[in-house]
C-alpha atoms as a PDB file:
ATOM      1  CA  MET A   1      56.387 -38.044  -0.860  1.00  0.00           C
ATOM      2  CA  MET A   2      53.053 -37.247  -2.558  1.00  0.00           C
ATOM      3  CA  ALA A   3      54.616 -34.089  -4.021  1.00  0.00           C
ATOM      4  CA  ASP A   4      57.346 -36.254  -5.569  1.00  0.00           C
ATOM      5  CA  MET A   5      54.764 -38.655  -6.980  1.00  0.00           C
ATOM      6  CA  LEU A   6      52.674 -35.878  -8.534  1.00  0.00           C
ATOM      7  CA  ARG A   7      55.764 -34.204  -9.983  1.00  0.00           C
ATOM      8  CA  THR A   8      56.943 -37.511 -11.478  1.00  0.00           C
ATOM      9  CA  VAL A   9      53.562 -38.377 -12.993  1.00  0.00           C
ATOM     10  CA  SER A  10      53.386 -34.895 -14.489  1.00  0.00           C
ATOM     11  CA  GLN A  11      56.849 -35.271 -16.026  1.00  0.00           C
ATOM     12  CA  PHE A  12      56.015 -38.598 -17.667  1.00  0.00           C
ATOM     13  CA  THR A  13      52.509 -37.761 -18.867  1.00  0.00           C
ATOM     14  CA  GLY A  14      52.808 -34.005 -19.364  1.00  0.00           C
ATOM     15  CA  ASN A  15      49.757 -33.379 -17.167  1.00  0.00           C
ATOM     16  CA  LEU A  16      47.740 -34.618 -14.216  1.00  0.00           C
ATOM     17  CA  LYS A  17      44.476 -35.177 -16.043  1.00  0.00           C
ATOM     18  CA  ASN A  18      42.017 -37.733 -14.689  1.00  0.00           C
ATOM     19  CA  ILE A  19      43.818 -38.205 -11.383  1.00  0.00           C
ATOM     20  CA  ASN A  20      42.038 -38.560  -8.056  1.00  0.00           C
ATOM     21  CA  VAL A  21      44.271 -38.427  -4.970  1.00  0.00           C
ATOM     22  CA  ALA A  22      42.884 -39.466  -1.574  1.00  0.00           C
ATOM     23  CA  LEU A  23      45.000 -38.921   1.517  1.00  0.00           C
ATOM     24  CA  VAL A  24      44.124 -40.107   5.028  1.00  0.00           C
ATOM     25  CA  GLU A  25      45.448 -37.895   7.822  1.00  0.00           C
ATOM     26  CA  SER A  26      43.941 -37.893  11.314  1.00  0.00           C
ATOM     27  CA  SER A  27      45.848 -34.788  12.436  1.00  0.00           C
ATOM     28  CA  GLU A  28      44.218 -31.559  11.217  1.00  0.00           C
ATOM     29  CA  ASN A  29      47.531 -29.754  11.672  1.00  0.00           C
ATOM     30  CA  LEU A  30      49.445 -32.217   9.494  1.00  0.00           C
ATOM     31  CA  ALA A  31      46.661 -32.258   6.895  1.00  0.00           C
ATOM     32  CA  LYS A  32      46.896 -28.442   6.671  1.00  0.00           C
ATOM     33  CA  GLN A  33      50.679 -28.635   6.215  1.00  0.00           C
ATOM     34  CA  GLN A  34      50.232 -31.229   3.463  1.00  0.00           C
ATOM     35  CA  GLN A  35      47.588 -29.075   1.775  1.00  0.00           C
ATOM     36  CA  ASP A  36      49.818 -26.015   1.810  1.00  0.00           C
ATOM     37  CA  ARG A  37      52.766 -27.887   0.338  1.00  0.00           C
ATOM     38  CA  LEU A  38      50.834 -29.794  -2.330  1.00  0.00           C
ATOM     39  CA  LEU A  39      48.686 -26.833  -3.386  1.00  0.00           C
ATOM     40  CA  GLU A  40      51.813 -24.717  -3.769  1.00  0.00           C
ATOM     41  CA  LEU A  41      53.407 -27.399  -5.955  1.00  0.00           C
ATOM     42  CA  LEU A  42      50.292 -27.761  -8.095  1.00  0.00           C
ATOM     43  CA  GLN A  43      49.817 -24.028  -8.588  1.00  0.00           C
ATOM     44  CA  LYS A  44      53.333 -22.628  -8.807  1.00  0.00           C
ATOM     45  CA  LYS A  45      55.256 -25.456 -10.434  1.00  0.00           C
ATOM     46  CA  LEU A  46      52.645 -27.366 -12.414  1.00  0.00           C
ATOM     47  CA  GLY A  47      50.253 -24.507 -13.243  1.00  0.00           C
ATOM     48  CA  ILE A  48      47.125 -26.289 -11.998  1.00  0.00           C
ATOM     49  CA  PHE A  49      44.779 -24.009 -10.099  1.00  0.00           C
ATOM     50  CA  LEU A  50      42.288 -25.722  -7.825  1.00  0.00           C
ATOM     51  CA  SER A  51      38.891 -24.816  -6.420  1.00  0.00           C
ATOM     52  CA  TYR A  52      37.806 -25.699  -2.893  1.00  0.00           C
ATOM     53  CA  ASP A  53      34.868 -28.066  -2.453  1.00  0.00           C
ATOM     54  CA  THR A  54      32.700 -26.217   0.055  1.00  0.00           C
ATOM     55  CA  ASP A  55      30.442 -29.256   0.582  1.00  0.00           C
ATOM     56  CA  GLY A  56      33.374 -31.468   1.484  1.00  0.00           C
ATOM     57  CA  LYS A  57      33.824 -30.233   5.041  1.00  0.00           C
ATOM     58  CA  LYS A  58      30.224 -31.197   5.820  1.00  0.00           C
ATOM     59  CA  GLN A  59      31.020 -34.724   4.635  1.00  0.00           C
ATOM     60  CA  GLY A  60      34.109 -34.931   6.832  1.00  0.00           C
ATOM     61  CA  ARG A  61      36.748 -34.260   4.213  1.00  0.00           C
ATOM     62  CA  GLU A  62      38.655 -31.428   2.571  1.00  0.00           C
ATOM     63  CA  ARG A  63      38.749 -31.564  -1.226  1.00  0.00           C
ATOM     64  CA  PHE A  64      40.214 -29.398  -3.943  1.00  0.00           C
ATOM     65  CA  PHE A  65      39.536 -29.929  -7.645  1.00  0.00           C
ATOM     66  CA  ASN A  66      40.111 -28.683 -11.191  1.00  0.00           C
ATOM     67  CA  LYS A  67      37.304 -29.511 -13.623  1.00  0.00           C
ATOM     68  CA  ASP A  68      39.389 -28.832 -16.750  1.00  0.00           C
ATOM     69  CA  HIS A  69      41.991 -31.407 -15.729  1.00  0.00           C
ATOM     70  CA  GLN A  70      39.506 -33.744 -14.031  1.00  0.00           C
ATOM     71  CA  PHE A  71      41.958 -33.635 -11.121  1.00  0.00           C
ATOM     72  CA  GLN A  72      41.064 -33.748  -7.454  1.00  0.00           C
ATOM     73  CA  ILE A  73      42.881 -34.175  -4.188  1.00  0.00           C
ATOM     74  CA  GLY A  74      41.136 -34.846  -0.901  1.00  0.00           C
ATOM     75  CA  TRP A  75      42.052 -35.290   2.745  1.00  0.00           C
ATOM     76  CA  TYR A  76      40.094 -37.677   4.942  1.00  0.00           C
ATOM     77  CA  PRO A  77      40.359 -37.980   8.730  1.00  0.00           C
ATOM     78  CA  ASP A  78      40.048 -41.786   8.659  1.00  0.00           C
ATOM     79  CA  ILE A  79      39.563 -44.793   6.374  1.00  0.00           C
ATOM     80  CA  LYS A  80      35.844 -45.021   7.200  1.00  0.00           C
ATOM     81  CA  THR A  81      35.189 -41.508   5.874  1.00  0.00           C
ATOM     82  CA  LEU A  82      37.150 -42.285   2.724  1.00  0.00           C
ATOM     83  CA  TYR A  83      35.278 -45.555   2.243  1.00  0.00           C
ATOM     84  CA  ASN A  84      31.892 -43.855   2.680  1.00  0.00           C
ATOM     85  CA  ASP A  85      32.826 -41.121   0.218  1.00  0.00           C
ATOM     86  CA  VAL A  86      34.013 -43.540  -2.455  1.00  0.00           C
ATOM     87  CA  LEU A  87      30.905 -45.727  -2.317  1.00  0.00           C
END
């Protein structure tokens, strides 16, 4: 579903600039599957190459970003971690 949303936004705007996506997934296995699918879409179909935030894992989240596009996508294990990261 998120892949469809990103693809649609990209079609209407021509890019994914200034977008911050936060996903909450308590299962590490499902989060990894989502990462693989979304990163493949972003790189192969939309031409956006992302860097991994090495500090993110220490803060309880996985985050990938592209500074040129001001685009980031992050996975959080629960709402509390997301809330703490946003504030």
